[in-house]
Amino acid sequence: MIYRSLSADDVRPHDGCNLENDHGYLPRLSVRHTSDQLRGQIYLPAVNLFLYVVIVAIVVGFGSSTSLAAAYGIAVSGTMAATSALAYIVTRRSWRWPMWLAVLVVAPLLAIDLAFFAANLLKVNHGGWLPLLLGGALFVLMRTWDRGRKLVTERRIAEEGPLRSLIAGLDRRTPPLQTVPGTAIYLASSTDTCPLALRINVERNQVRHQQIVIFHADMLDVPHCGGDLRVTVDDLDDPDDRIVLVTARFGYRDRPDVLGALRLAARQARELENLDDVTYFLSRITIRPAKGGGMAMWRKRIFSALARNASSSIEYFQLPEDRVVTLGSRISI
């Protein structure tokens, strides 16, 4: 389950990175950052394609700019009102203005915007329904993903369990685990919990690799990350068990290169001496809608469909496909 911090991660279908800094209102998309100064200046190919298709459909459907006037009026006035409402949130949460000052500045602007919006609502039957329909649909999708992500994250963390306690108990299991040769790289969404793929290998397959590397990636709020702090290695309280936790840090304009980060970590960890003979293990979660659980069934089905169509973490992390093993688990929401 990964995603841009490199996001729980939320319910990404695979492990990989931590996106605690992301709000998680959409599944992972292909994101191209275009600025070294502003992280929010991005290009989303999938979103642009969606906008192209919608715009062509609207132009063909309405036939003329005159017919689009009502839809345009509601869209613009609604955007203005929403911007004023968000300005109040910014003044209170980010700028720490007192409430009276925030209300004094924002209330007149919001009143004007709402007046324009109310006037345009008279044109709903003449095409004004379109921006309301699109906006409402996107709002439902984003809120559904956010709520479902939180539910899956809670269940996933409970299923993963603490990382250090599992590692500490590997040598005390009965019957003893079978040790197989080679190095296993487990992508982890958190440095605190155990990757599901590792837990599955231990509890269901009763095996462990000779060398185990748990890889966690962090996406920072800087365009590029370099220097000595880019990669850190933790022996997880036992330098002799050949199990290490590697944390790699990437800037938002860096391409998450797992192999490159592991090569840097190899200078500090003997478990990474031979990177030509490694197997990457990913955890994949299958979402099963079930009754109850804090969300309507139709929203659970939407969330499940969105989760299935999130972008591949194999491509995102530039992993060699012939060396990737995916171990799955099912979570009911």
Protein backbone atom coordinates (compact mmCIF):
# COMPACT_ATOMS: atom_id res chain seq x y z
CA MET A 1 0.00 0.00 0.00
CA ILE A 2 1.89 2.88 -1.12
CA TYR A 3 1.54 6.18 -2.56
CA ARG A 4 3.01 9.38 -2.91
CA SER A 5 5.26 8.95 1.18
CA LEU A 6 6.05 7.13 -0.18
CA SER A 7 0.13 6.75 1.29
CA ALA A 8 -1.16 4.23 5.80
CA ASP A 9 -1.09 4.41 4.08
CA ASP A 10 -4.30 4.44 3.18
CA VAL A 11 -5.62 1.60 1.34
CA ARG A 12 -3.29 1.41 -1.49
CA PRO A 13 -3.45 -2.05 -2.84
CA HIS A 14 0.26 -2.55 -2.06
CA ASP A 15 2.73 -1.65 0.66
CA GLY A 16 5.53 0.72 0.02
CA CYS A 17 5.50 4.07 1.61
CA ASN A 18 3.94 6.30 4.14
CA LEU A 19 1.55 8.96 3.13
CA GLU A 20 0.54 10.20 6.51
CA ASN A 21 0.96 13.75 5.23
CA ASP A 22 -1.56 13.19 2.48
CA HIS A 23 -5.25 13.49 3.13
CA GLY A 24 -6.08 10.50 0.99
CA TYR A 25 -9.13 11.76 -0.92
CA LEU A 26 -8.25 9.85 -4.09
CA PRO A 27 -6.44 6.61 -4.97
CA ARG A 28 -2.85 6.89 -6.05
CA LEU A 29 -2.54 8.60 -9.42
CA SER A 30 0.41 9.30 -11.64
CA VAL A 31 1.66 12.71 -10.48
CA ARG A 32 4.23 14.84 -12.28
CA HIS A 33 5.64 17.71 -10.24
CA THR A 34 6.52 20.66 -12.44
CA SER A 35 8.07 23.05 -9.93
CA ASP A 36 11.03 23.01 -7.53
CA GLN A 37 9.40 25.75 -5.45
CA LEU A 38 5.74 24.71 -5.15
CA ARG A 39 4.87 21.12 -4.31
CA GLY A 40 1.24 21.71 -5.28
CA GLN A 41 2.13 22.67 -8.87
CA ILE A 42 1.49 19.31 -10.51
CA TYR A 43 0.31 17.64 -13.70
CA LEU A 44 -2.04 14.66 -13.51
CA PRO A 45 -2.29 12.86 -16.87
CA ALA A 46 -5.35 10.81 -15.87
CA VAL A 47 -7.21 13.87 -14.61
CA ASN A 48 -6.37 15.85 -17.74
CA LEU A 49 -7.67 13.04 -19.92
CA PHE A 50 -10.86 12.90 -17.86
CA LEU A 51 -11.33 16.66 -18.23
CA TYR A 52 -10.82 16.42 -21.99
CA VAL A 53 -13.49 13.75 -22.35
CA VAL A 54 -15.95 15.64 -20.14
CA ILE A 55 -15.38 18.95 -21.92
CA VAL A 56 -15.92 17.43 -25.36
CA ALA A 57 -19.10 15.73 -24.13
CA ILE A 58 -20.40 18.99 -22.64
CA VAL A 59 -19.67 21.03 -25.76
CA VAL A 60 -21.35 18.46 -28.00
CA GLY A 61 -24.30 18.07 -25.62
CA PHE A 62 -25.07 21.76 -25.14
CA GLY A 63 -24.24 22.77 -28.69
CA SER A 64 -23.52 26.47 -28.08
CA SER A 65 -21.99 28.86 -25.58
CA THR A 66 -25.40 30.45 -25.04
CA SER A 67 -26.80 27.16 -23.76
CA LEU A 68 -23.83 26.84 -21.39
CA ALA A 69 -24.38 30.26 -19.80
CA ALA A 70 -26.47 28.95 -16.90
CA ALA A 71 -24.01 26.16 -16.11
CA TYR A 72 -21.13 28.61 -16.27
CA GLY A 73 -22.85 31.06 -13.91
CA ILE A 74 -23.48 28.46 -11.23
CA ALA A 75 -19.97 27.03 -11.59
CA VAL A 76 -18.28 30.42 -11.21
CA SER A 77 -20.45 31.72 -8.38
CA GLY A 78 -20.21 28.40 -6.57
CA THR A 79 -16.42 28.45 -6.88
CA MET A 80 -16.32 31.98 -5.50
CA ALA A 81 -18.45 31.01 -2.50
CA ALA A 82 -16.34 27.92 -1.82
CA THR A 83 -13.15 30.01 -2.05
CA SER A 84 -14.47 32.46 0.52
CA ALA A 85 -15.41 29.61 2.86
CA LEU A 86 -11.93 28.14 2.49
CA ALA A 87 -10.41 31.56 3.14
CA TYR A 88 -12.08 31.52 6.56
CA ILE A 89 -10.55 28.12 7.31
CA VAL A 90 -7.10 29.36 6.26
CA THR A 91 -7.31 32.48 8.41
CA ARG A 92 -8.33 30.44 11.45
CA ARG A 93 -6.15 27.33 11.12
CA SER A 94 -3.07 28.53 9.26
CA TRP A 95 -2.85 32.23 10.05
CA ARG A 96 -4.28 31.84 13.59
CA TRP A 97 -6.53 34.87 13.32
CA PRO A 98 -9.06 35.40 16.11
CA MET A 99 -12.60 34.45 15.12
CA TRP A 100 -13.92 38.00 15.17
CA LEU A 101 -11.26 39.18 12.72
CA ALA A 102 -11.73 36.22 10.37
CA VAL A 103 -15.51 36.73 10.34
CA LEU A 104 -15.10 40.48 9.86
CA VAL A 105 -12.95 39.97 6.75
CA VAL A 106 -14.60 36.90 5.19
CA ALA A 107 -18.31 37.42 5.99
CA PRO A 108 -18.86 40.38 3.59
CA LEU A 109 -17.12 38.51 0.76
CA LEU A 110 -19.08 35.33 1.43
CA ALA A 111 -22.36 37.24 1.57
CA ILE A 112 -21.74 38.71 -1.89
CA ASP A 113 -20.72 35.34 -3.31
CA LEU A 114 -23.77 33.58 -1.86
CA ALA A 115 -26.03 36.29 -3.31
CA PHE A 116 -24.63 35.63 -6.79
CA PHE A 117 -24.91 31.88 -6.26
CA ALA A 118 -28.54 32.13 -5.09
CA ALA A 119 -29.43 34.23 -8.14
CA ASN A 120 -27.91 31.65 -10.46
CA LEU A 121 -29.83 28.82 -8.80
CA LEU A 122 -32.91 30.08 -10.67
CA LYS A 123 -31.27 28.69 -13.82
CA VAL A 124 -30.85 25.11 -12.59
CA ASN A 125 -33.42 23.78 -15.07
CA HIS A 126 -31.64 25.54 -17.95
CA GLY A 127 -28.32 23.76 -17.60
CA GLY A 128 -27.27 24.84 -14.14
CA TRP A 129 -27.75 21.27 -12.93
CA LEU A 130 -24.54 20.18 -14.69
CA PRO A 131 -21.89 21.71 -12.35
CA LEU A 132 -24.01 20.74 -9.35
CA LEU A 133 -24.17 17.14 -10.57
CA LEU A 134 -20.45 16.93 -11.36
CA GLY A 135 -19.43 18.61 -8.12
CA GLY A 136 -21.72 16.39 -6.07
CA ALA A 137 -20.44 13.22 -7.74
CA LEU A 138 -16.79 14.17 -7.16
CA PHE A 139 -17.54 15.08 -3.56
CA VAL A 140 -19.16 11.70 -2.93
CA LEU A 141 -16.23 9.86 -4.55
CA MET A 142 -13.63 11.75 -2.55
CA ARG A 143 -15.45 11.39 0.76
CA THR A 144 -16.07 7.70 0.06
CA TRP A 145 -12.38 7.07 -0.59
CA ASP A 146 -11.35 9.04 2.49
CA ARG A 147 -13.76 7.16 4.76
CA GLY A 148 -12.95 3.76 3.27
CA ARG A 149 -9.22 4.44 3.49
CA LYS A 150 -9.51 5.14 7.20
CA LEU A 151 -11.54 1.98 7.82
CA VAL A 152 -9.07 -0.21 5.91
CA THR A 153 -6.09 1.43 7.58
CA GLU A 154 -7.49 0.68 11.04
CA ARG A 155 -8.09 -2.98 10.16
CA ARG A 156 -4.75 -3.28 8.39
CA ILE A 157 -2.76 -1.92 11.33
CA ALA A 158 -4.57 -4.35 13.66
CA GLU A 159 -3.75 -7.26 11.33
CA GLU A 160 -0.11 -6.27 10.81
CA GLY A 161 0.79 -5.93 14.48
CA PRO A 162 3.93 -4.34 15.92
CA LEU A 163 7.07 -4.86 13.84
CA ARG A 164 9.64 -5.23 16.62
CA SER A 165 7.64 -7.78 18.60
CA LEU A 166 7.28 -10.04 15.55
CA ILE A 167 10.98 -9.75 14.71
CA ALA A 168 11.96 -10.49 18.31
CA GLY A 169 9.84 -13.65 18.31
CA LEU A 170 11.08 -15.18 15.06
CA ASP A 171 13.74 -17.31 16.77
CA ARG A 172 11.34 -18.49 19.47
CA ARG A 173 8.61 -19.89 17.25
CA THR A 174 7.51 -23.52 17.64
CA PRO A 175 8.10 -25.32 15.39
CA PRO A 176 11.16 -23.32 14.27
CA LEU A 177 10.89 -21.45 11.00
CA GLN A 178 12.58 -22.91 7.96
CA THR A 179 15.33 -20.60 6.73
CA VAL A 180 15.63 -20.30 2.95
CA PRO A 181 18.64 -18.79 1.15
CA GLY A 182 18.55 -15.35 -0.41
CA THR A 183 17.50 -11.84 0.55
CA ALA A 184 13.87 -10.77 0.91
CA ILE A 185 12.94 -7.10 0.53
CA TYR A 186 9.59 -6.31 2.16
CA LEU A 187 8.05 -2.96 1.28
CA ALA A 188 6.44 -1.45 4.37
CA SER A 189 3.91 1.32 4.79
CA SER A 190 5.12 2.09 8.32
CA THR A 191 8.23 1.67 10.43
CA ASP A 192 6.10 0.61 13.40
CA THR A 193 3.96 -2.20 11.99
CA CYS A 194 4.95 -5.44 10.30
CA PRO A 195 4.46 -5.75 6.52
CA LEU A 196 1.56 -8.11 5.84
CA ALA A 197 3.67 -10.09 3.37
CA LEU A 198 6.25 -10.82 6.08
CA ARG A 199 3.58 -11.87 8.57
CA ILE A 200 1.97 -14.15 5.95
CA ASN A 201 5.31 -15.79 5.14
CA VAL A 202 6.02 -16.40 8.81
CA GLU A 203 2.59 -17.50 10.02
CA ARG A 204 1.21 -19.32 6.98
CA ASN A 205 4.29 -20.51 5.13
CA GLN A 206 6.49 -21.03 8.21
CA VAL A 207 9.57 -19.69 6.41
CA ARG A 208 11.96 -16.78 6.61
CA HIS A 209 14.79 -15.74 4.31
CA GLN A 210 18.40 -15.76 5.37
CA GLN A 211 18.51 -11.96 5.03
CA ILE A 212 15.41 -9.82 5.53
CA VAL A 213 15.24 -6.14 4.64
CA ILE A 214 12.16 -4.09 5.48
CA PHE A 215 12.05 -1.06 3.20
CA HIS A 216 10.11 2.06 4.07
CA ALA A 217 10.07 5.20 1.94
CA ASP A 218 9.37 8.76 3.07
CA MET A 219 8.37 11.56 0.71
CA LEU A 220 9.58 14.94 1.96
CA ASP A 221 8.32 18.46 1.31
CA VAL A 222 11.48 19.38 -0.58
CA PRO A 223 12.05 18.89 -4.33
CA HIS A 224 15.14 16.70 -3.95
CA CYS A 225 16.73 14.82 -1.08
CA GLY A 226 20.39 13.90 -0.90
CA GLY A 227 23.26 13.62 1.53
CA ASP A 228 23.88 11.29 4.41
CA LEU A 229 20.32 11.42 5.71
CA ARG A 230 18.79 10.09 2.51
CA VAL A 231 19.05 6.48 3.71
CA THR A 232 19.18 5.19 7.30
CA VAL A 233 19.53 1.60 8.51
CA ASP A 234 18.12 0.22 11.78
CA ASP A 235 19.12 -3.24 13.03
CA LEU A 236 15.87 -3.48 15.06
CA ASP A 237 17.69 -4.07 18.35
CA ASP A 238 19.54 -7.20 17.14
CA PRO A 239 22.64 -6.75 14.96
CA ASP A 240 23.11 -10.50 14.47
CA ASP A 241 19.71 -11.68 13.19
CA ARG A 242 20.35 -10.38 9.65
CA ILE A 243 17.12 -8.36 9.69
CA VAL A 244 17.27 -4.61 9.09
CA LEU A 245 14.88 -1.75 8.52
CA VAL A 246 15.91 0.61 5.72
CA THR A 247 14.27 4.03 5.57
CA ALA A 248 14.78 5.97 2.34
CA ARG A 249 13.84 9.61 1.94
CA PHE A 250 12.88 11.14 -1.38
CA GLY A 251 12.03 14.65 -2.45
CA TYR A 252 8.68 15.15 -4.14
CA ARG A 253 10.41 15.52 -7.52
CA ASP A 254 12.58 12.44 -7.02
CA ARG A 255 11.52 9.19 -8.64
CA PRO A 256 11.28 6.59 -5.84
CA ASP A 257 14.13 4.28 -6.83
CA VAL A 258 14.13 1.38 -4.40
CA LEU A 259 17.18 -0.36 -5.88
CA GLY A 260 19.19 2.85 -5.87
CA ALA A 261 18.32 3.47 -2.22
CA LEU A 262 19.26 -0.11 -1.32
CA ARG A 263 22.65 0.32 -2.97
CA LEU A 264 23.27 3.30 -0.71
CA ALA A 265 22.11 1.32 2.32
CA ALA A 266 24.45 -1.56 1.39
CA ARG A 267 27.35 0.52 2.70
CA GLN A 268 25.83 0.18 6.19
CA ALA A 269 24.21 -3.28 6.11
CA ARG A 270 25.76 -6.64 5.32
CA GLU A 271 22.26 -7.94 4.55
CA LEU A 272 22.49 -6.00 1.29
CA GLU A 273 25.85 -7.26 0.10
CA ASN A 274 24.36 -9.09 -2.88
CA LEU A 275 21.57 -7.07 -4.48
CA ASP A 276 21.65 -9.25 -7.60
CA ASP A 277 19.90 -12.05 -5.71
CA VAL A 278 16.93 -10.44 -3.97
CA THR A 279 13.17 -10.98 -4.05
CA TYR A 280 10.74 -8.14 -3.46
CA PHE A 281 7.62 -8.93 -1.46
CA LEU A 282 4.52 -6.76 -1.69
CA SER A 283 1.34 -6.97 0.34
CA ARG A 284 -1.91 -6.72 -1.57
CA ILE A 285 -5.22 -6.17 0.16
CA THR A 286 -8.52 -7.27 -1.35
CA ILE A 287 -11.45 -5.21 -0.11
CA ARG A 288 -14.64 -7.14 0.60
CA PRO A 289 -17.77 -5.04 1.23
CA ALA A 290 -19.76 -6.38 4.17
CA LYS A 291 -22.80 -5.30 6.13
CA GLY A 292 -22.22 -2.78 8.89
CA GLY A 293 -18.87 -1.15 9.49
CA GLY A 294 -19.71 2.54 9.35
CA MET A 295 -20.40 3.06 5.64
CA ALA A 296 -23.31 2.36 3.30
CA MET A 297 -22.99 -0.71 1.08
CA TRP A 298 -23.12 1.27 -2.17
CA ARG A 299 -20.24 3.45 -0.96
CA LYS A 300 -18.25 0.35 -0.01
CA ARG A 301 -18.68 -1.01 -3.53
CA ILE A 302 -17.47 2.29 -4.98
CA PHE A 303 -14.48 2.27 -2.64
CA SER A 304 -13.62 -1.32 -3.57
CA ALA A 305 -13.72 -0.45 -7.28
CA LEU A 306 -11.47 2.59 -6.73
CA ALA A 307 -8.99 0.48 -4.75
CA ARG A 308 -8.77 -2.11 -7.51
CA ASN A 309 -7.89 0.57 -10.06
CA ALA A 310 -5.16 2.39 -8.15
CA SER A 311 -1.88 2.59 -10.05
CA SER A 312 0.68 -0.18 -9.73
CA SER A 313 3.34 0.14 -7.03
CA ILE A 314 5.68 -2.06 -9.10
CA GLU A 315 5.93 0.70 -11.70
CA TYR A 316 5.95 3.45 -9.09
CA PHE A 317 8.94 1.98 -7.27
CA GLN A 318 10.68 0.81 -10.47
CA LEU A 319 10.81 -2.80 -9.27
CA PRO A 320 11.89 -5.61 -11.62
CA GLU A 321 8.69 -7.53 -12.31
CA ASP A 322 10.46 -10.89 -12.52
CA ARG A 323 11.64 -10.50 -8.91
CA VAL A 324 8.35 -9.42 -7.30
CA VAL A 325 6.15 -11.71 -5.22
CA THR A 326 2.74 -10.48 -4.07
CA LEU A 327 1.06 -11.98 -1.02
CA GLY A 328 -2.57 -11.11 -0.51
CA SER A 329 -4.93 -10.61 2.38
CA ARG A 330 -8.65 -9.88 2.57
CA ILE A 331 -10.17 -7.14 4.67
CA SER A 332 -13.90 -6.70 5.16
CA ILE A 333 -15.35 -3.23 5.63
